[in-house]
């Protein structure tokens, strides 16, 4: 792959909010993408602390029903219709990738390397961000649209109990995806010359 073909995929990755339950690729392909991304995305000290839950079909619907039920208890009744519409737009997708970091790994590194203990949580978040981006871009390259959502910590305990996940898994983000039904909106860019400097 050339740098240009890679950067083309980078340019084409956008937040797609209008998605359907269809998918142009098989579920097996989606799971393969996630596995390859988890395997090859870098992490500090090769910690490999990322954990991912792939939800498809009814399991995906269950996640967004959990989000909706919890939000119903905290959002004012007169404002809930808009909230429900937003959550339903995520639920209408084909699946969700749910991102976690295993804090037992992070804490182990903190104990092993006390000089860096304050940095490991930040490095963990950086690695998770890279993983999210890799999966997001790879899904887009297969014709799927996605967004990144953050309903944690509201849903953390319910998600763990529903899918019987270890207590050490810290929820980071949720990525609903599906076949795009509308393009992304226009995006404005600040001058890149103000953001990148060549040292002389």
C-alpha atoms as a PDB file:
ATOM      1  CA  UNK A   1       0.000   0.000   0.000  1.00  0.00           C
ATOM      2  CA  UNK A   2       1.314   3.439  -0.896  1.00  0.00           C
ATOM      3  CA  UNK A   3       1.155   6.413   1.433  1.00  0.00           C
ATOM      4  CA  UNK A   4      -1.359   7.996  -0.923  1.00  0.00           C
ATOM      5  CA  UNK A   5      -3.768   5.058  -0.794  1.00  0.00           C
ATOM      6  CA  UNK A   6      -3.498   5.031   3.003  1.00  0.00           C
ATOM      7  CA  UNK A   7      -4.120   8.769   3.208  1.00  0.00           C
ATOM      8  CA  UNK A   8      -7.097   8.403   0.887  1.00  0.00           C
ATOM      9  CA  UNK A   9      -8.672   6.079   3.433  1.00  0.00           C
ATOM     10  CA  UNK A  10      -7.827   8.621   6.133  1.00  0.00           C
ATOM     11  CA  UNK A  11      -9.543  11.385   4.149  1.00  0.00           C
ATOM     12  CA  UNK A  12     -12.658   9.300   3.517  1.00  0.00           C
ATOM     13  CA  UNK A  13     -13.221   8.334   7.150  1.00  0.00           C
ATOM     14  CA  UNK A  14     -15.997  10.572   8.471  1.00  0.00           C
ATOM     15  CA  UNK A  15     -18.655  10.553  11.184  1.00  0.00           C
ATOM     16  CA  UNK A  16     -21.710   8.968   9.573  1.00  0.00           C
ATOM     17  CA  UNK A  17     -24.834   9.408  11.691  1.00  0.00           C
ATOM     18  CA  UNK A  18     -27.406   8.053   9.267  1.00  0.00           C
ATOM     19  CA  UNK A  19     -26.950   4.274   9.071  1.00  0.00           C
ATOM     20  CA  UNK A  20     -29.086   1.216   8.389  1.00  0.00           C
ATOM     21  CA  UNK A  21     -28.988  -2.349   9.636  1.00  0.00           C
ATOM     22  CA  UNK A  22     -27.542  -3.556   6.346  1.00  0.00           C
ATOM     23  CA  UNK A  23     -23.867  -4.321   5.772  1.00  0.00           C
ATOM     24  CA  UNK A  24     -21.964  -4.573   2.478  1.00  0.00           C
ATOM     25  CA  UNK A  25     -19.621  -7.146   4.060  1.00  0.00           C
ATOM     26  CA  UNK A  26     -20.165 -10.294   6.101  1.00  0.00           C
ATOM     27  CA  UNK A  27     -20.152 -10.404   9.879  1.00  0.00           C
ATOM     28  CA  UNK A  28     -17.125 -12.675   9.675  1.00  0.00           C
ATOM     29  CA  UNK A  29     -15.279  -9.935   7.793  1.00  0.00           C
ATOM     30  CA  UNK A  30     -16.222  -7.367  10.437  1.00  0.00           C
ATOM     31  CA  UNK A  31     -14.926  -9.596  13.228  1.00  0.00           C
ATOM     32  CA  UNK A  32     -11.738 -10.240  11.239  1.00  0.00           C
ATOM     33  CA  UNK A  33     -11.154  -6.482  10.880  1.00  0.00           C
ATOM     34  CA  UNK A  34     -11.546  -5.977  14.619  1.00  0.00           C
ATOM     35  CA  UNK A  35      -9.219  -8.861  15.470  1.00  0.00           C
ATOM     36  CA  UNK A  36      -6.517  -7.647  13.101  1.00  0.00           C
ATOM     37  CA  UNK A  37      -6.793  -4.113  14.460  1.00  0.00           C
ATOM     38  CA  UNK A  38      -6.554  -5.266  18.071  1.00  0.00           C
ATOM     39  CA  UNK A  39      -3.574  -7.456  17.234  1.00  0.00           C
ATOM     40  CA  UNK A  40      -1.552  -4.856  15.356  1.00  0.00           C
ATOM     41  CA  UNK A  41      -2.403  -1.475  16.929  1.00  0.00           C
ATOM     42  CA  UNK A  42       0.604  -0.353  19.007  1.00  0.00           C
ATOM     43  CA  UNK A  43       0.514   0.041  22.781  1.00  0.00           C
ATOM     44  CA  UNK A  44       2.999   1.425  25.300  1.00  0.00           C
ATOM     45  CA  UNK A  45       5.446  -1.229  26.560  1.00  0.00           C
ATOM     46  CA  UNK A  46       3.558  -3.617  24.258  1.00  0.00           C
ATOM     47  CA  UNK A  47       0.960  -3.787  27.021  1.00  0.00           C
ATOM     48  CA  UNK A  48      -1.797  -5.015  24.685  1.00  0.00           C
ATOM     49  CA  UNK A  49      -4.349  -3.720  27.193  1.00  0.00           C
ATOM     50  CA  UNK A  50      -7.134  -3.109  24.658  1.00  0.00           C
ATOM     51  CA  UNK A  51     -10.294  -5.180  24.953  1.00  0.00           C
ATOM     52  CA  UNK A  52     -13.173  -5.087  22.477  1.00  0.00           C
ATOM     53  CA  UNK A  53     -16.754  -6.340  22.502  1.00  0.00           C
ATOM     54  CA  UNK A  54     -18.324  -6.815  19.058  1.00  0.00           C
ATOM     55  CA  UNK A  55     -22.124  -6.611  19.069  1.00  0.00           C
ATOM     56  CA  UNK A  56     -24.173  -7.597  16.017  1.00  0.00           C
ATOM     57  CA  UNK A  57     -27.899  -7.827  15.380  1.00  0.00           C
ATOM     58  CA  UNK A  58     -29.955  -8.256  18.543  1.00  0.00           C
ATOM     59  CA  UNK A  59     -26.881  -7.920  20.760  1.00  0.00           C
ATOM     60  CA  UNK A  60     -26.250  -4.518  19.169  1.00  0.00           C
ATOM     61  CA  UNK A  61     -29.893  -3.539  19.759  1.00  0.00           C
ATOM     62  CA  UNK A  62     -29.553  -4.577  23.387  1.00  0.00           C
ATOM     63  CA  UNK A  63     -26.705  -2.102  23.936  1.00  0.00           C
ATOM     64  CA  UNK A  64     -28.689   0.864  22.689  1.00  0.00           C
ATOM     65  CA  UNK A  65     -31.782  -0.238  24.605  1.00  0.00           C
ATOM     66  CA  UNK A  66     -29.608  -0.144  27.732  1.00  0.00           C
ATOM     67  CA  UNK A  67     -28.436   3.360  26.838  1.00  0.00           C
ATOM     68  CA  UNK A  68     -32.003   4.497  26.227  1.00  0.00           C
ATOM     69  CA  UNK A  69     -33.373   2.984  29.436  1.00  0.00           C
ATOM     70  CA  UNK A  70     -30.669   4.603  31.553  1.00  0.00           C
ATOM     71  CA  UNK A  71     -31.028   7.993  29.874  1.00  0.00           C
ATOM     72  CA  UNK A  72     -34.789   7.821  30.421  1.00  0.00           C
ATOM     73  CA  UNK A  73     -34.151   7.962  34.168  1.00  0.00           C
ATOM     74  CA  UNK A  74     -32.028  11.129  34.027  1.00  0.00           C
ATOM     75  CA  UNK A  75     -33.286  13.168  31.061  1.00  0.00           C
ATOM     76  CA  UNK A  76     -36.307  15.403  31.617  1.00  0.00           C
ATOM     77  CA  UNK A  77     -39.468  13.963  30.106  1.00  0.00           C
ATOM     78  CA  UNK A  78     -40.058  16.938  27.830  1.00  0.00           C
ATOM     79  CA  UNK A  79     -36.516  16.582  26.432  1.00  0.00           C
ATOM     80  CA  UNK A  80     -36.451  12.802  26.103  1.00  0.00           C
ATOM     81  CA  UNK A  81     -37.990  12.589  22.621  1.00  0.00           C
ATOM     82  CA  UNK A  82     -34.899  14.158  21.056  1.00  0.00           C
ATOM     83  CA  UNK A  83     -32.630  11.925  23.129  1.00  0.00           C
ATOM     84  CA  UNK A  84     -34.576   8.829  22.122  1.00  0.00           C
ATOM     85  CA  UNK A  85     -34.407   9.780  18.451  1.00  0.00           C
ATOM     86  CA  UNK A  86     -30.628  10.142  18.671  1.00  0.00           C
ATOM     87  CA  UNK A  87     -30.150   6.808  20.427  1.00  0.00           C
ATOM     88  CA  UNK A  88     -32.491   5.090  17.968  1.00  0.00           C
ATOM     89  CA  UNK A  89     -30.320   6.364  15.107  1.00  0.00           C
ATOM     90  CA  UNK A  90     -27.413   4.405  16.587  1.00  0.00           C
ATOM     91  CA  UNK A  91     -29.634   1.388  17.286  1.00  0.00           C
ATOM     92  CA  UNK A  92     -30.724   1.309  13.632  1.00  0.00           C
ATOM     93  CA  UNK A  93     -27.214   0.280  12.587  1.00  0.00           C
ATOM     94  CA  UNK A  94     -25.840  -3.171  11.890  1.00  0.00           C
ATOM     95  CA  UNK A  95     -23.613  -3.444  14.931  1.00  0.00           C
ATOM     96  CA  UNK A  96     -21.416  -1.778  17.497  1.00  0.00           C
ATOM     97  CA  UNK A  97     -17.787  -2.060  18.490  1.00  0.00           C
ATOM     98  CA  UNK A  98     -17.384  -1.384  22.205  1.00  0.00           C
ATOM     99  CA  UNK A  99     -13.919  -0.397  23.408  1.00  0.00           C
ATOM    100  CA  UNK A 100     -12.392  -1.139  26.804  1.00  0.00           C
ATOM    101  CA  UNK A 101      -9.009  -0.998  28.497  1.00  0.00           C
ATOM    102  CA  UNK A 102      -8.046  -3.756  30.935  1.00  0.00           C
ATOM    103  CA  UNK A 103      -7.031  -1.837  34.054  1.00  0.00           C
ATOM    104  CA  UNK A 104      -5.399  -4.899  35.595  1.00  0.00           C
ATOM    105  CA  UNK A 105      -2.783  -4.675  32.842  1.00  0.00           C
ATOM    106  CA  UNK A 106      -2.277  -0.952  33.447  1.00  0.00           C
ATOM    107  CA  UNK A 107      -1.987  -1.437  37.207  1.00  0.00           C
ATOM    108  CA  UNK A 108       0.494  -4.269  36.684  1.00  0.00           C
ATOM    109  CA  UNK A 109       2.712  -2.002  34.611  1.00  0.00           C
ATOM    110  CA  UNK A 110       2.424   0.748  37.218  1.00  0.00           C
ATOM    111  CA  UNK A 111       3.664  -1.660  39.864  1.00  0.00           C
ATOM    112  CA  UNK A 112       6.436  -2.984  37.617  1.00  0.00           C
ATOM    113  CA  UNK A 113       7.648   0.437  36.480  1.00  0.00           C
ATOM    114  CA  UNK A 114       6.852   2.898  39.321  1.00  0.00           C
ATOM    115  CA  UNK A 115       8.863   5.706  37.694  1.00  0.00           C
ATOM    116  CA  UNK A 116       6.259   5.803  34.897  1.00  0.00           C
ATOM    117  CA  UNK A 117       3.168   4.987  36.929  1.00  0.00           C
ATOM    118  CA  UNK A 118       1.498   8.348  36.343  1.00  0.00           C
ATOM    119  CA  UNK A 119       1.890   7.971  32.576  1.00  0.00           C
ATOM    120  CA  UNK A 120       0.429   4.527  31.985  1.00  0.00           C
ATOM    121  CA  UNK A 121      -3.259   5.627  32.111  1.00  0.00           C
ATOM    122  CA  UNK A 122      -2.521   8.345  29.520  1.00  0.00           C
ATOM    123  CA  UNK A 123      -0.596   5.937  27.311  1.00  0.00           C
ATOM    124  CA  UNK A 124      -3.468   3.494  27.590  1.00  0.00           C
ATOM    125  CA  UNK A 125      -5.911   6.133  26.326  1.00  0.00           C
ATOM    126  CA  UNK A 126      -3.578   7.007  23.459  1.00  0.00           C
ATOM    127  CA  UNK A 127      -3.403   3.372  22.375  1.00  0.00           C
ATOM    128  CA  UNK A 128      -7.180   3.043  22.633  1.00  0.00           C
ATOM    129  CA  UNK A 129      -7.603   6.123  20.456  1.00  0.00           C
ATOM    130  CA  UNK A 130      -5.355   4.592  17.816  1.00  0.00           C
ATOM    131  CA  UNK A 131      -7.347   1.359  17.910  1.00  0.00           C
ATOM    132  CA  UNK A 132     -10.630   3.227  17.541  1.00  0.00           C
ATOM    133  CA  UNK A 133      -9.254   5.082  14.538  1.00  0.00           C
ATOM    134  CA  UNK A 134      -7.873   1.947  12.889  1.00  0.00           C
ATOM    135  CA  UNK A 135     -11.183   0.104  13.204  1.00  0.00           C
ATOM    136  CA  UNK A 136     -13.208   3.146  12.154  1.00  0.00           C
ATOM    137  CA  UNK A 137     -11.104   3.684   9.025  1.00  0.00           C
ATOM    138  CA  UNK A 138     -11.084  -0.011   8.142  1.00  0.00           C
ATOM    139  CA  UNK A 139     -14.876  -0.235   8.441  1.00  0.00           C
ATOM    140  CA  UNK A 140     -15.226   2.840   6.220  1.00  0.00           C
ATOM    141  CA  UNK A 141     -12.946   1.225   3.648  1.00  0.00           C
ATOM    142  CA  UNK A 142     -15.412  -1.690   3.472  1.00  0.00           C
ATOM    143  CA  UNK A 143     -18.374   0.618   2.849  1.00  0.00           C
ATOM    144  CA  UNK A 144     -19.611   0.970   6.424  1.00  0.00           C
ATOM    145  CA  UNK A 145     -20.330   4.258   8.183  1.00  0.00           C
ATOM    146  CA  UNK A 146     -19.648   4.800  11.880  1.00  0.00           C
ATOM    147  CA  UNK A 147     -19.477   7.326  14.692  1.00  0.00           C
ATOM    148  CA  UNK A 148     -17.797   7.306  18.075  1.00  0.00           C
ATOM    149  CA  UNK A 149     -20.019   7.683  21.141  1.00  0.00           C
ATOM    150  CA  UNK A 150     -19.322   8.022  24.878  1.00  0.00           C
ATOM    151  CA  UNK A 151     -22.176   7.025  27.170  1.00  0.00           C
ATOM    152  CA  UNK A 152     -19.780   5.829  29.837  1.00  0.00           C
ATOM    153  CA  UNK A 153     -19.713   5.894  32.819  1.00  0.00           C
ATOM    154  CA  UNK A 154     -23.534   5.870  32.876  1.00  0.00           C
ATOM    155  CA  UNK A 155     -23.764   2.448  31.244  1.00  0.00           C
ATOM    156  CA  UNK A 156     -20.575   0.810  32.526  1.00  0.00           C
ATOM    157  CA  UNK A 157     -21.956  -1.544  35.144  1.00  0.00           C
ATOM    158  CA  UNK A 158     -24.989  -2.593  33.086  1.00  0.00           C
ATOM    159  CA  UNK A 159     -22.779  -3.386  30.090  1.00  0.00           C
ATOM    160  CA  UNK A 160     -20.423  -5.472  32.234  1.00  0.00           C
ATOM    161  CA  UNK A 161     -23.237  -7.428  33.838  1.00  0.00           C
ATOM    162  CA  UNK A 162     -25.174  -7.951  30.600  1.00  0.00           C
ATOM    163  CA  UNK A 163     -22.219  -9.474  28.759  1.00  0.00           C
ATOM    164  CA  UNK A 164     -20.473 -10.950  31.812  1.00  0.00           C
ATOM    165  CA  UNK A 165     -17.308  -8.912  31.369  1.00  0.00           C
ATOM    166  CA  UNK A 166     -14.431  -8.751  33.859  1.00  0.00           C
ATOM    167  CA  UNK A 167     -14.589  -5.977  36.438  1.00  0.00           C
ATOM    168  CA  UNK A 168     -11.132  -4.817  35.333  1.00  0.00           C
ATOM    169  CA  UNK A 169     -12.413  -3.835  31.878  1.00  0.00           C
ATOM    170  CA  UNK A 170     -12.885  -0.058  31.791  1.00  0.00           C
ATOM    171  CA  UNK A 171     -15.376   1.149  29.189  1.00  0.00           C
ATOM    172  CA  UNK A 172     -13.887   3.763  26.869  1.00  0.00           C
ATOM    173  CA  UNK A 173     -16.205   4.279  23.858  1.00  0.00           C
ATOM    174  CA  UNK A 174     -18.965   2.835  21.694  1.00  0.00           C
ATOM    175  CA  UNK A 175     -18.886   2.763  17.887  1.00  0.00           C
ATOM    176  CA  UNK A 176     -22.221   2.039  16.158  1.00  0.00           C
ATOM    177  CA  UNK A 177     -21.856   1.210  12.474  1.00  0.00           C
ATOM    178  CA  UNK A 178     -23.956   0.266   9.473  1.00  0.00           C
ATOM    179  CA  UNK A 179     -24.540   0.953   5.822  1.00  0.00           C
ATOM    180  CA  UNK A 180     -24.592   4.735   5.255  1.00  0.00           C
ATOM    181  CA  UNK A 181     -27.973   6.115   4.250  1.00  0.00           C
ATOM    182  CA  UNK A 182     -26.803   9.728   3.928  1.00  0.00           C
ATOM    183  CA  UNK A 183     -23.361  11.269   3.382  1.00  0.00           C
ATOM    184  CA  UNK A 184     -21.389  13.125   6.008  1.00  0.00           C
ATOM    185  CA  UNK A 185     -21.862  16.864   6.109  1.00  0.00           C
ATOM    186  CA  UNK A 186     -19.328  19.409   4.920  1.00  0.00           C
ATOM    187  CA  UNK A 187     -16.225  19.740   7.054  1.00  0.00           C
ATOM    188  CA  UNK A 188     -14.235  22.918   7.518  1.00  0.00           C
ATOM    189  CA  UNK A 189     -10.488  22.824   8.052  1.00  0.00           C
ATOM    190  CA  UNK A 190      -8.353  25.354   9.865  1.00  0.00           C
ATOM    191  CA  UNK A 191      -5.232  26.341   7.893  1.00  0.00           C
ATOM    192  CA  UNK A 192      -2.830  23.420   8.129  1.00  0.00           C
ATOM    193  CA  UNK A 193       0.069  25.883   7.918  1.00  0.00           C
ATOM    194  CA  UNK A 194      -0.932  27.104  11.389  1.00  0.00           C
ATOM    195  CA  UNK A 195      -0.941  23.558  12.722  1.00  0.00           C
ATOM    196  CA  UNK A 196       2.223  22.064  11.234  1.00  0.00           C
ATOM    197  CA  UNK A 197       5.648  23.694  11.462  1.00  0.00           C
ATOM    198  CA  UNK A 198       8.799  22.572   9.677  1.00  0.00           C
ATOM    199  CA  UNK A 199      11.788  23.131  11.918  1.00  0.00           C
ATOM    200  CA  UNK A 200      14.634  25.120  10.340  1.00  0.00           C
END
